[in-house]
PDB file of N, CA and C in Angstrom:
ATOM      1  N   MET A   1      31.455   6.079  27.210  1.00  0.00           N
ATOM      2  CA  MET A   1      30.160   6.164  27.869  1.00  0.00           C
ATOM      3  C   MET A   1      29.248   7.114  27.096  1.00  0.00           C
ATOM      4  N   ARG A   2      29.752   8.217  26.689  1.00  0.00           N
ATOM      5  CA  ARG A   2      28.884   9.187  25.956  1.00  0.00           C
ATOM      6  C   ARG A   2      28.409   8.563  24.630  1.00  0.00           C
ATOM      7  N   ALA A   3      29.222   7.803  23.964  1.00  0.00           N
ATOM      8  CA  ALA A   3      28.767   7.111  22.670  1.00  0.00           C
ATOM      9  C   ALA A   3      27.651   6.147  23.014  1.00  0.00           C
ATOM     10  N   ARG A   4      27.696   5.450  24.045  1.00  0.00           N
ATOM     11  CA  ARG A   4      26.602   4.546  24.408  1.00  0.00           C
ATOM     12  C   ARG A   4      25.316   5.263  24.734  1.00  0.00           C
ATOM     13  N   VAL A   5      25.427   6.361  25.471  1.00  0.00           N
ATOM     14  CA  VAL A   5      24.169   7.126  25.759  1.00  0.00           C
ATOM     15  C   VAL A   5      23.649   7.732  24.495  1.00  0.00           C
ATOM     16  N   LEU A   6      24.504   8.256  23.653  1.00  0.00           N
ATOM     17  CA  LEU A   6      24.049   8.792  22.342  1.00  0.00           C
ATOM     18  C   LEU A   6      23.372   7.698  21.472  1.00  0.00           C
ATOM     19  N   ALA A   7      23.956   6.557  21.426  1.00  0.00           N
ATOM     20  CA  ALA A   7      23.356   5.473  20.671  1.00  0.00           C
ATOM     21  C   ALA A   7      21.974   5.079  21.247  1.00  0.00           C
ATOM     22  N   THR A   8      21.894   5.041  22.519  1.00  0.00           N
ATOM     23  CA  THR A   8      20.593   4.751  23.182  1.00  0.00           C
ATOM     24  C   THR A   8      19.548   5.784  22.815  1.00  0.00           C
ATOM     25  N   LEU A   9      19.912   7.046  22.905  1.00  0.00           N
ATOM     26  CA  LEU A   9      19.012   8.112  22.550  1.00  0.00           C
ATOM     27  C   LEU A   9      18.555   8.083  21.088  1.00  0.00           C
ATOM     28  N   VAL A  10      19.558   7.850  20.220  1.00  0.00           N
ATOM     29  CA  VAL A  10      19.181   7.763  18.763  1.00  0.00           C
ATOM     30  C   VAL A  10      18.184   6.593  18.616  1.00  0.00           C
ATOM     31  N   GLY A  11      18.440   5.435  19.290  1.00  0.00           N
ATOM     32  CA  GLY A  11      17.603   4.254  19.180  1.00  0.00           C
ATOM     33  C   GLY A  11      16.158   4.602  19.686  1.00  0.00           C
ATOM     34  N   LEU A  12      16.051   5.423  20.726  1.00  0.00           N
ATOM     35  CA  LEU A  12      14.765   5.699  21.265  1.00  0.00           C
ATOM     36  C   LEU A  12      14.040   6.662  20.325  1.00  0.00           C
ATOM     37  N   VAL A  13      14.696   7.562  19.608  1.00  0.00           N
ATOM     38  CA  VAL A  13      14.098   8.398  18.778  1.00  0.00           C
ATOM     39  C   VAL A  13      13.517   7.646  17.498  1.00  0.00           C
ATOM     40  N   ALA A  14      14.281   6.602  17.142  1.00  0.00           N
ATOM     41  CA  ALA A  14      13.818   5.769  15.948  1.00  0.00           C
ATOM     42  C   ALA A  14      12.640   4.897  16.288  1.00  0.00           C
ATOM     43  N   LEU A  15      12.397   4.547  17.489  1.00  0.00           N
ATOM     44  CA  LEU A  15      11.276   3.649  17.854  1.00  0.00           C
ATOM     45  C   LEU A  15       9.946   4.195  17.479  1.00  0.00           C
ATOM     46  N   PRO A  16       9.585   5.402  17.721  1.00  0.00           N
ATOM     47  CA  PRO A  16       8.251   5.858  17.422  1.00  0.00           C
ATOM     48  C   PRO A  16       7.907   5.763  15.894  1.00  0.00           C
ATOM     49  N   SER A  17       8.885   5.944  15.056  1.00  0.00           N
ATOM     50  CA  SER A  17       8.582   5.864  13.600  1.00  0.00           C
ATOM     51  C   SER A  17       8.284   4.386  13.212  1.00  0.00           C
ATOM     52  N   MET A  18       8.781   3.416  13.873  1.00  0.00           N
ATOM     53  CA  MET A  18       8.502   2.073  13.606  1.00  0.00           C
ATOM     54  C   MET A  18       7.221   1.553  14.297  1.00  0.00           C
ATOM     55  N   ALA A  19       6.792   2.260  15.338  1.00  0.00           N
ATOM     56  CA  ALA A  19       5.650   1.821  16.134  1.00  0.00           C
ATOM     57  C   ALA A  19       4.407   1.728  15.345  1.00  0.00           C
ATOM     58  N   GLY A  20       4.202   2.626  14.352  1.00  0.00           N
ATOM     59  CA  GLY A  20       2.963   2.659  13.583  1.00  0.00           C
ATOM     60  C   GLY A  20       2.953   1.724  12.382  1.00  0.00           C
ATOM     61  N   ALA A  21       4.036   1.052  12.092  1.00  0.00           N
ATOM     62  CA  ALA A  21       4.191   0.213  10.915  1.00  0.00           C
ATOM     63  C   ALA A  21       3.189  -0.950  10.959  1.00  0.00           C
ATOM     64  N   GLU A  22       2.543  -1.212   9.864  1.00  0.00           N
ATOM     65  CA  GLU A  22       1.576  -2.351   9.750  1.00  0.00           C
ATOM     66  C   GLU A  22       1.806  -3.100   8.484  1.00  0.00           C
ATOM     67  N   THR A  23       1.303  -4.280   8.380  1.00  0.00           N
ATOM     68  CA  THR A  23       1.416  -5.054   7.121  1.00  0.00           C
ATOM     69  C   THR A  23      -0.040  -5.576   6.772  1.00  0.00           C
ATOM     70  N   TRP A  24      -0.443  -5.428   5.579  1.00  0.00           N
ATOM     71  CA  TRP A  24      -1.704  -5.962   5.084  1.00  0.00           C
ATOM     72  C   TRP A  24      -1.326  -7.037   4.089  1.00  0.00           C
ATOM     73  N   LYS A  25      -1.731  -8.267   4.270  1.00  0.00           N
ATOM     74  CA  LYS A  25      -1.420  -9.270   3.272  1.00  0.00           C
ATOM     75  C   LYS A  25      -2.668  -9.799   2.463  1.00  0.00           C
ATOM     76  N   GLY A  26      -2.412 -10.022   1.214  1.00  0.00           N
ATOM     77  CA  GLY A  26      -3.475 -10.617   0.455  1.00  0.00           C
ATOM     78  C   GLY A  26      -4.639  -9.620   0.128  1.00  0.00           C
ATOM     79  N   VAL A  27      -4.423  -8.392   0.246  1.00  0.00           N
ATOM     80  CA  VAL A  27      -5.510  -7.385   0.005  1.00  0.00           C
ATOM     81  C   VAL A  27      -5.592  -7.034  -1.457  1.00  0.00           C
ATOM     82  N   SER A  28      -6.678  -6.655  -1.905  1.00  0.00           N
ATOM     83  CA  SER A  28      -6.884  -6.185  -3.304  1.00  0.00           C
ATOM     84  C   SER A  28      -6.343  -4.785  -3.549  1.00  0.00           C
ATOM     85  N   VAL A  29      -5.587  -4.608  -4.572  1.00  0.00           N
ATOM     86  CA  VAL A  29      -5.097  -3.256  -4.866  1.00  0.00           C
ATOM     87  C   VAL A  29      -6.005  -2.750  -6.016  1.00  0.00           C
ATOM     88  N   VAL A  30      -6.606  -1.592  -5.746  1.00  0.00           N
ATOM     89  CA  VAL A  30      -7.576  -1.037  -6.745  1.00  0.00           C
ATOM     90  C   VAL A  30      -7.296   0.442  -6.892  1.00  0.00           C
ATOM     91  N   ASP A  31      -7.366   0.955  -8.115  1.00  0.00           N
ATOM     92  CA  ASP A  31      -7.287   2.391  -8.374  1.00  0.00           C
ATOM     93  C   ASP A  31      -8.542   3.055  -7.932  1.00  0.00           C
ATOM     94  N   THR A  32      -8.407   4.241  -7.460  1.00  0.00           N
ATOM     95  CA  THR A  32      -9.556   4.995  -6.895  1.00  0.00           C
ATOM     96  C   THR A  32     -10.624   5.195  -7.938  1.00  0.00           C
ATOM     97  N   SER A  33     -10.235   5.390  -9.184  1.00  0.00           N
ATOM     98  CA  SER A  33     -11.148   5.651 -10.298  1.00  0.00           C
ATOM     99  C   SER A  33     -12.149   4.497 -10.492  1.00  0.00           C
ATOM    100  N   CYS A  34     -11.651   3.257 -10.319  1.00  0.00           N
ATOM    101  CA  CYS A  34     -12.489   2.014 -10.583  1.00  0.00           C
ATOM    102  C   CYS A  34     -13.090   1.443  -9.354  1.00  0.00           C
ATOM    103  N   LEU A  35     -12.860   2.012  -8.186  1.00  0.00           N
ATOM    104  CA  LEU A  35     -13.338   1.404  -6.907  1.00  0.00           C
ATOM    105  C   LEU A  35     -14.791   1.024  -6.915  1.00  0.00           C
ATOM    106  N   ALA A  36     -15.655   1.934  -7.304  1.00  0.00           N
ATOM    107  CA  ALA A  36     -17.088   1.649  -7.233  1.00  0.00           C
ATOM    108  C   ALA A  36     -17.471   0.555  -8.246  1.00  0.00           C
ATOM    109  N   LYS A  37     -16.774   0.531  -9.381  1.00  0.00           N
ATOM    110  CA  LYS A  37     -17.111  -0.453 -10.381  1.00  0.00           C
ATOM    111  C   LYS A  37     -16.671  -1.928 -10.059  1.00  0.00           C
ATOM    112  N   VAL A  38     -15.539  -2.017  -9.328  1.00  0.00           N
ATOM    113  CA  VAL A  38     -14.969  -3.346  -9.042  1.00  0.00           C
ATOM    114  C   VAL A  38     -15.132  -3.770  -7.608  1.00  0.00           C
ATOM    115  N   LYS A  39     -15.727  -2.990  -6.770  1.00  0.00           N
ATOM    116  CA  LYS A  39     -15.817  -3.295  -5.285  1.00  0.00           C
ATOM    117  C   LYS A  39     -16.425  -4.632  -5.069  1.00  0.00           C
ATOM    118  N   ALA A  40     -17.447  -5.022  -5.850  1.00  0.00           N
ATOM    119  CA  ALA A  40     -18.163  -6.278  -5.608  1.00  0.00           C
ATOM    120  C   ALA A  40     -17.234  -7.476  -5.933  1.00  0.00           C
ATOM    121  N   ASP A  41     -16.379  -7.377  -6.951  1.00  0.00           N
ATOM    122  CA  ASP A  41     -15.502  -8.403  -7.362  1.00  0.00           C
ATOM    123  C   ASP A  41     -14.155  -7.895  -7.830  1.00  0.00           C
ATOM    124  N   PRO A  42     -13.335  -7.464  -6.887  1.00  0.00           N
ATOM    125  CA  PRO A  42     -12.056  -6.821  -7.273  1.00  0.00           C
ATOM    126  C   PRO A  42     -11.094  -7.681  -8.007  1.00  0.00           C
ATOM    127  N   ASP A  43     -11.188  -9.074  -7.935  1.00  0.00           N
ATOM    128  CA  ASP A  43     -10.297 -10.002  -8.580  1.00  0.00           C
ATOM    129  C   ASP A  43     -10.497  -9.908 -10.135  1.00  0.00           C
ATOM    130  N   LYS A  44     -11.618  -9.381 -10.609  1.00  0.00           N
ATOM    131  CA  LYS A  44     -11.779  -9.208 -12.054  1.00  0.00           C
ATOM    132  C   LYS A  44     -11.114  -7.971 -12.613  1.00  0.00           C
ATOM    133  N   HIS A  45     -10.679  -7.074 -11.745  1.00  0.00           N
ATOM    134  CA  HIS A  45      -9.988  -5.842 -12.142  1.00  0.00           C
ATOM    135  C   HIS A  45      -8.653  -6.182 -12.756  1.00  0.00           C
ATOM    136  N   THR A  46      -8.402  -5.753 -13.920  1.00  0.00           N
ATOM    137  CA  THR A  46      -7.198  -6.089 -14.648  1.00  0.00           C
ATOM    138  C   THR A  46      -6.067  -5.151 -14.390  1.00  0.00           C
ATOM    139  N   THR A  47      -4.872  -5.732 -14.611  1.00  0.00           N
ATOM    140  CA  THR A  47      -3.576  -4.857 -14.452  1.00  0.00           C
ATOM    141  C   THR A  47      -3.640  -3.769 -15.419  1.00  0.00           C
ATOM    142  N   GLU A  48      -4.075  -4.076 -16.700  1.00  0.00           N
ATOM    143  CA  GLU A  48      -4.123  -3.055 -17.784  1.00  0.00           C
ATOM    144  C   GLU A  48      -4.949  -1.826 -17.337  1.00  0.00           C
ATOM    145  N   CYS A  49      -6.140  -2.210 -16.798  1.00  0.00           N
ATOM    146  CA  CYS A  49      -7.025  -1.102 -16.337  1.00  0.00           C
ATOM    147  C   CYS A  49      -6.463  -0.337 -15.177  1.00  0.00           C
ATOM    148  N   ALA A  50      -5.892  -1.057 -14.214  1.00  0.00           N
ATOM    149  CA  ALA A  50      -5.254  -0.384 -13.093  1.00  0.00           C
ATOM    150  C   ALA A  50      -4.170   0.568 -13.493  1.00  0.00           C
ATOM    151  N   LEU A  51      -3.390   0.232 -14.495  1.00  0.00           N
ATOM    152  CA  LEU A  51      -2.329   1.083 -14.965  1.00  0.00           C
ATOM    153  C   LEU A  51      -2.897   2.295 -15.785  1.00  0.00           C
ATOM    154  N   LYS A  52      -3.944   1.970 -16.534  1.00  0.00           N
ATOM    155  CA  LYS A  52      -4.587   3.075 -17.359  1.00  0.00           C
ATOM    156  C   LYS A  52      -5.255   4.091 -16.509  1.00  0.00           C
ATOM    157  N   CYS A  53      -5.720   3.714 -15.282  1.00  0.00           N
ATOM    158  CA  CYS A  53      -6.453   4.627 -14.410  1.00  0.00           C
ATOM    159  C   CYS A  53      -5.669   5.059 -13.167  1.00  0.00           C
ATOM    160  N   SER A  54      -4.326   5.143 -13.385  1.00  0.00           N
ATOM    161  CA  SER A  54      -3.429   5.464 -12.287  1.00  0.00           C
ATOM    162  C   SER A  54      -3.508   6.831 -11.742  1.00  0.00           C
ATOM    163  N   LYS A  55      -4.007   7.777 -12.583  1.00  0.00           N
ATOM    164  CA  LYS A  55      -3.994   9.176 -12.187  1.00  0.00           C
ATOM    165  C   LYS A  55      -4.839   9.484 -10.910  1.00  0.00           C
ATOM    166  N   GLY A  56      -5.784   8.693 -10.702  1.00  0.00           N
ATOM    167  CA  GLY A  56      -6.689   8.871  -9.444  1.00  0.00           C
ATOM    168  C   GLY A  56      -6.024   8.317  -8.196  1.00  0.00           C
ATOM    169  N   GLY A  57      -4.919   7.616  -8.340  1.00  0.00           N
ATOM    170  CA  GLY A  57      -4.263   7.029  -7.221  1.00  0.00           C
ATOM    171  C   GLY A  57      -4.716   5.644  -6.910  1.00  0.00           C
ATOM    172  N   TYR A  58      -4.155   4.989  -5.920  1.00  0.00           N
ATOM    173  CA  TYR A  58      -4.472   3.598  -5.547  1.00  0.00           C
ATOM    174  C   TYR A  58      -4.708   3.486  -4.120  1.00  0.00           C
ATOM    175  N   GLY A  59      -5.219   2.333  -3.724  1.00  0.00           N
ATOM    176  CA  GLY A  59      -5.475   1.987  -2.386  1.00  0.00           C
ATOM    177  C   GLY A  59      -5.671   0.517  -2.240  1.00  0.00           C
ATOM    178  N   LEU A  60      -5.922   0.104  -1.004  1.00  0.00           N
ATOM    179  CA  LEU A  60      -6.268  -1.362  -0.795  1.00  0.00           C
ATOM    180  C   LEU A  60      -7.691  -1.483  -0.320  1.00  0.00           C
ATOM    181  N   LEU A  61      -8.289  -2.497  -0.873  1.00  0.00           N
ATOM    182  CA  LEU A  61      -9.659  -2.825  -0.573  1.00  0.00           C
ATOM    183  C   LEU A  61      -9.561  -4.024   0.419  1.00  0.00           C
ATOM    184  N   ALA A  62      -9.922  -3.716   1.608  1.00  0.00           N
ATOM    185  CA  ALA A  62      -9.901  -4.814   2.644  1.00  0.00           C
ATOM    186  C   ALA A  62     -11.098  -5.768   2.507  1.00  0.00           C
ATOM    187  N   PRO A  63     -10.919  -7.003   3.128  1.00  0.00           N
ATOM    188  CA  PRO A  63     -12.050  -7.972   3.005  1.00  0.00           C
ATOM    189  C   PRO A  63     -13.422  -7.452   3.566  1.00  0.00           C
ATOM    190  N   ASP A  64     -13.307  -6.484   4.506  1.00  0.00           N
ATOM    191  CA  ASP A  64     -14.561  -5.964   5.106  1.00  0.00           C
ATOM    192  C   ASP A  64     -15.156  -4.797   4.223  1.00  0.00           C
ATOM    193  N   GLY A  65     -14.546  -4.554   3.086  1.00  0.00           N
ATOM    194  CA  GLY A  65     -15.081  -3.552   2.111  1.00  0.00           C
ATOM    195  C   GLY A  65     -14.615  -2.145   2.349  1.00  0.00           C
ATOM    196  N   SER A  66     -13.757  -1.962   3.364  1.00  0.00           N
ATOM    197  CA  SER A  66     -13.168  -0.620   3.609  1.00  0.00           C
ATOM    198  C   SER A  66     -12.086  -0.387   2.601  1.00  0.00           C
ATOM    199  N   TYR A  67     -11.804   0.856   2.324  1.00  0.00           N
ATOM    200  CA  TYR A  67     -10.806   1.286   1.316  1.00  0.00           C
ATOM    201  C   TYR A  67      -9.852   2.219   1.955  1.00  0.00           C
ATOM    202  N   LEU A  68      -8.559   1.965   1.850  1.00  0.00           N
ATOM    203  CA  LEU A  68      -7.555   2.833   2.463  1.00  0.00           C
ATOM    204  C   LEU A  68      -6.650   3.324   1.263  1.00  0.00           C
ATOM    205  N   LYS A  69      -6.674   4.659   1.091  1.00  0.00           N
ATOM    206  CA  LYS A  69      -5.871   5.275  -0.055  1.00  0.00           C
ATOM    207  C   LYS A  69      -4.354   5.282   0.252  1.00  0.00           C
ATOM    208  N   PHE A  70      -3.570   5.158  -0.753  1.00  0.00           N
ATOM    209  CA  PHE A  70      -2.137   5.246  -0.576  1.00  0.00           C
ATOM    210  C   PHE A  70      -1.659   6.694  -0.730  1.00  0.00           C
ATOM    211  N   ASP A  71      -0.544   6.978  -0.124  1.00  0.00           N
ATOM    212  CA  ASP A  71       0.022   8.306  -0.213  1.00  0.00           C
ATOM    213  C   ASP A  71       0.702   8.416  -1.599  1.00  0.00           C
ATOM    214  N   ALA A  72       1.215   9.557  -2.029  1.00  0.00           N
ATOM    215  CA  ALA A  72       1.806   9.723  -3.352  1.00  0.00           C
ATOM    216  C   ALA A  72       2.971   8.814  -3.626  1.00  0.00           C
ATOM    217  N   ALA A  73       3.842   8.579  -2.649  1.00  0.00           N
ATOM    218  CA  ALA A  73       4.946   7.615  -2.803  1.00  0.00           C
ATOM    219  C   ALA A  73       4.378   6.214  -2.966  1.00  0.00           C
ATOM    220  N   GLY A  74       3.313   5.794  -2.244  1.00  0.00           N
ATOM    221  CA  GLY A  74       2.664   4.563  -2.409  1.00  0.00           C
ATOM    222  C   GLY A  74       2.101   4.359  -3.758  1.00  0.00           C
ATOM    223  N   ASN A  75       1.564   5.418  -4.328  1.00  0.00           N
ATOM    224  CA  ASN A  75       0.990   5.321  -5.697  1.00  0.00           C
ATOM    225  C   ASN A  75       2.109   5.012  -6.682  1.00  0.00           C
ATOM    226  N   ASP A  76       3.246   5.707  -6.543  1.00  0.00           N
ATOM    227  CA  ASP A  76       4.400   5.469  -7.423  1.00  0.00           C
ATOM    228  C   ASP A  76       4.900   4.017  -7.232  1.00  0.00           C
ATOM    229  N   LYS A  77       4.971   3.557  -6.043  1.00  0.00           N
ATOM    230  CA  LYS A  77       5.418   2.159  -5.795  1.00  0.00           C
ATOM    231  C   LYS A  77       4.410   1.160  -6.353  1.00  0.00           C
ATOM    232  N   THR A  78       3.124   1.484  -6.379  1.00  0.00           N
ATOM    233  CA  THR A  78       2.127   0.643  -6.946  1.00  0.00           C
ATOM    234  C   THR A  78       2.282   0.541  -8.386  1.00  0.00           C
ATOM    235  N   VAL A  79       2.519   1.665  -9.066  1.00  0.00           N
ATOM    236  CA  VAL A  79       2.662   1.644 -10.577  1.00  0.00           C
ATOM    237  C   VAL A  79       3.875   0.756 -10.883  1.00  0.00           C
ATOM    238  N   ALA A  80       4.994   0.952 -10.154  1.00  0.00           N
ATOM    239  CA  ALA A  80       6.155   0.072 -10.416  1.00  0.00           C
ATOM    240  C   ALA A  80       5.886  -1.435 -10.240  1.00  0.00           C
ATOM    241  N   ALA A  81       5.151  -1.691  -9.136  1.00  0.00           N
ATOM    242  CA  ALA A  81       4.767  -3.109  -8.916  1.00  0.00           C
ATOM    243  C   ALA A  81       3.899  -3.670 -10.005  1.00  0.00           C
ATOM    244  N   LEU A  82       2.904  -2.884 -10.430  1.00  0.00           N
ATOM    245  CA  LEU A  82       1.986  -3.360 -11.500  1.00  0.00           C
ATOM    246  C   LEU A  82       2.691  -3.562 -12.816  1.00  0.00           C
ATOM    247  N   LYS A  83       3.687  -2.678 -13.143  1.00  0.00           N
ATOM    248  CA  LYS A  83       4.431  -2.792 -14.346  1.00  0.00           C
ATOM    249  C   LYS A  83       5.361  -4.011 -14.347  1.00  0.00           C
ATOM    250  N   ALA A  84       5.738  -4.441 -13.063  1.00  0.00           N
ATOM    251  CA  ALA A  84       6.667  -5.554 -12.953  1.00  0.00           C
ATOM    252  C   ALA A  84       5.991  -6.967 -12.897  1.00  0.00           C
ATOM    253  N   THR A  85       4.658  -6.898 -12.548  1.00  0.00           N
ATOM    254  CA  THR A  85       3.969  -8.194 -12.389  1.00  0.00           C
ATOM    255  C   THR A  85       3.623  -8.846 -13.745  1.00  0.00           C
ATOM    256  N   LYS A  86       3.499 -10.154 -13.719  1.00  0.00           N
ATOM    257  CA  LYS A  86       3.052 -10.876 -14.898  1.00  0.00           C
ATOM    258  C   LYS A  86       1.505 -11.212 -14.782  1.00  0.00           C
ATOM    259  N   LYS A  87       0.974 -10.814 -13.607  1.00  0.00           N
ATOM    260  CA  LYS A  87      -0.458 -11.060 -13.337  1.00  0.00           C
ATOM    261  C   LYS A  87      -1.276 -10.164 -14.206  1.00  0.00           C
ATOM    262  N   THR A  88      -2.428 -10.713 -14.765  1.00  0.00           N
ATOM    263  CA  THR A  88      -3.332  -9.840 -15.574  1.00  0.00           C
ATOM    264  C   THR A  88      -4.497  -9.469 -14.801  1.00  0.00           C
ATOM    265  N   ASP A  89      -4.806 -10.082 -13.663  1.00  0.00           N
ATOM    266  CA  ASP A  89      -5.966  -9.713 -12.825  1.00  0.00           C
ATOM    267  C   ASP A  89      -5.703 -10.351 -11.412  1.00  0.00           C
ATOM    268  N   HIS A  90      -6.643 -10.395 -10.580  1.00  0.00           N
ATOM    269  CA  HIS A  90      -6.479 -10.932  -9.212  1.00  0.00           C
ATOM    270  C   HIS A  90      -5.324 -10.175  -8.588  1.00  0.00           C
ATOM    271  N   LEU A  91      -5.434  -8.843  -8.468  1.00  0.00           N
ATOM    272  CA  LEU A  91      -4.358  -8.008  -8.016  1.00  0.00           C
ATOM    273  C   LEU A  91      -4.298  -7.925  -6.515  1.00  0.00           C
ATOM    274  N   ARG A  92      -3.840  -8.987  -5.968  1.00  0.00           N
ATOM    275  CA  ARG A  92      -3.597  -9.071  -4.519  1.00  0.00           C
ATOM    276  C   ARG A  92      -2.194  -8.621  -4.175  1.00  0.00           C
ATOM    277  N   ALA A  93      -2.044  -8.074  -2.985  1.00  0.00           N
ATOM    278  CA  ALA A  93      -0.690  -7.538  -2.619  1.00  0.00           C
ATOM    279  C   ALA A  93      -0.451  -7.620  -1.110  1.00  0.00           C
ATOM    280  N   THR A  94       0.782  -7.457  -0.778  1.00  0.00           N
ATOM    281  CA  THR A  94       1.258  -7.341   0.574  1.00  0.00           C
ATOM    282  C   THR A  94       1.737  -5.907   0.623  1.00  0.00           C
ATOM    283  N   VAL A  95       1.125  -5.062   1.542  1.00  0.00           N
ATOM    284  CA  VAL A  95       1.427  -3.671   1.660  1.00  0.00           C
ATOM    285  C   VAL A  95       1.997  -3.430   3.063  1.00  0.00           C
ATOM    286  N   GLU A  96       3.098  -2.717   3.181  1.00  0.00           N
ATOM    287  CA  GLU A  96       3.633  -2.322   4.373  1.00  0.00           C
ATOM    288  C   GLU A  96       3.645  -0.861   4.513  1.00  0.00           C
ATOM    289  N   GLY A  97       3.292  -0.328   5.635  1.00  0.00           N
ATOM    290  CA  GLY A  97       3.216   1.124   5.828  1.00  0.00           C
ATOM    291  C   GLY A  97       2.644   1.527   7.115  1.00  0.00           C
ATOM    292  N   GLU A  98       2.313   2.865   7.213  1.00  0.00           N
ATOM    293  CA  GLU A  98       1.738   3.331   8.461  1.00  0.00           C
ATOM    294  C   GLU A  98       0.364   3.925   8.139  1.00  0.00           C
ATOM    295  N   ARG A  99      -0.693   3.412   8.785  1.00  0.00           N
ATOM    296  CA  ARG A  99      -2.024   3.925   8.614  1.00  0.00           C
ATOM    297  C   ARG A  99      -2.165   5.302   9.222  1.00  0.00           C
ATOM    298  N   GLN A 100      -2.685   6.253   8.441  1.00  0.00           N
ATOM    299  CA  GLN A 100      -2.924   7.618   8.911  1.00  0.00           C
ATOM    300  C   GLN A 100      -4.405   7.929   8.534  1.00  0.00           C
ATOM    301  N   GLY A 101      -5.307   7.643   9.494  1.00  0.00           N
ATOM    302  CA  GLY A 101      -6.718   7.852   9.186  1.00  0.00           C
ATOM    303  C   GLY A 101      -7.207   6.805   8.155  1.00  0.00           C
ATOM    304  N   ASP A 102      -7.712   7.377   7.013  1.00  0.00           N
ATOM    305  CA  ASP A 102      -8.243   6.534   5.945  1.00  0.00           C
ATOM    306  C   ASP A 102      -7.233   6.390   4.792  1.00  0.00           C
ATOM    307  N   SER A 103      -5.971   6.616   5.150  1.00  0.00           N
ATOM    308  CA  SER A 103      -4.869   6.430   4.112  1.00  0.00           C
ATOM    309  C   SER A 103      -3.672   5.662   4.757  1.00  0.00           C
ATOM    310  N   ILE A 104      -2.770   5.280   3.823  1.00  0.00           N
ATOM    311  CA  ILE A 104      -1.569   4.546   4.276  1.00  0.00           C
ATOM    312  C   ILE A 104      -0.349   5.244   3.690  1.00  0.00           C
ATOM    313  N   LYS A 105       0.585   5.518   4.489  1.00  0.00           N
ATOM    314  CA  LYS A 105       1.888   5.995   4.125  1.00  0.00           C
ATOM    315  C   LYS A 105       2.745   4.756   3.693  1.00  0.00           C
ATOM    316  N   VAL A 106       2.773   4.328   2.494  1.00  0.00           N
ATOM    317  CA  VAL A 106       3.285   3.096   2.069  1.00  0.00           C
ATOM    318  C   VAL A 106       4.829   3.063   2.047  1.00  0.00           C
ATOM    319  N   THR A 107       5.385   2.084   2.693  1.00  0.00           N
ATOM    320  CA  THR A 107       6.884   1.874   2.677  1.00  0.00           C
ATOM    321  C   THR A 107       7.229   0.767   1.661  1.00  0.00           C
ATOM    322  N   SER A 108       6.386  -0.175   1.384  1.00  0.00           N
ATOM    323  CA  SER A 108       6.577  -1.134   0.394  1.00  0.00           C
ATOM    324  C   SER A 108       5.332  -1.867  -0.083  1.00  0.00           C
ATOM    325  N   ILE A 109       5.333  -2.306  -1.308  1.00  0.00           N
ATOM    326  CA  ILE A 109       4.155  -3.023  -1.866  1.00  0.00           C
ATOM    327  C   ILE A 109       4.623  -4.095  -2.820  1.00  0.00           C
ATOM    328  N   ALA A 110       4.135  -5.313  -2.667  1.00  0.00           N
ATOM    329  CA  ALA A 110       4.519  -6.423  -3.549  1.00  0.00           C
ATOM    330  C   ALA A 110       3.246  -7.132  -4.024  1.00  0.00           C
ATOM    331  N   ILE A 111       3.097  -7.247  -5.346  1.00  0.00           N
ATOM    332  CA  ILE A 111       1.971  -7.968  -5.857  1.00  0.00           C
ATOM    333  C   ILE A 111       2.180  -9.418  -5.615  1.00  0.00           C
ATOM    334  N   ASP A 112       1.168 -10.057  -4.946  1.00  0.00           N
ATOM    335  CA  ASP A 112       1.328 -11.483  -4.545  1.00  0.00           C
ATOM    336  C   ASP A 112       0.978 -12.376  -5.730  1.00  0.00           C
TER     337      ASP A 112
END
């Protein structure tokens, strides 16, 4: 009986961390340094440029023009995804994470 109660309590503690999880599909991934330059047509932004300008961090450019910055771990995951892709531009991605104001705590990113 105690084990069942403990398992239930552990499950309840884990629920809030999953409650804020969201998925953004088909969004443009843009480095912060190039955001102003490519905002009008993010599909022309190249993988080479995105990797070269990685020091400023990354984020997603939503279809409505809003920009959500990635956390440090998300920036690292984005660099790895960009290095692994064969795409040279049209940097669309599926991003999973938790939105925190105008940023995202990224749990995963995949270049589509």
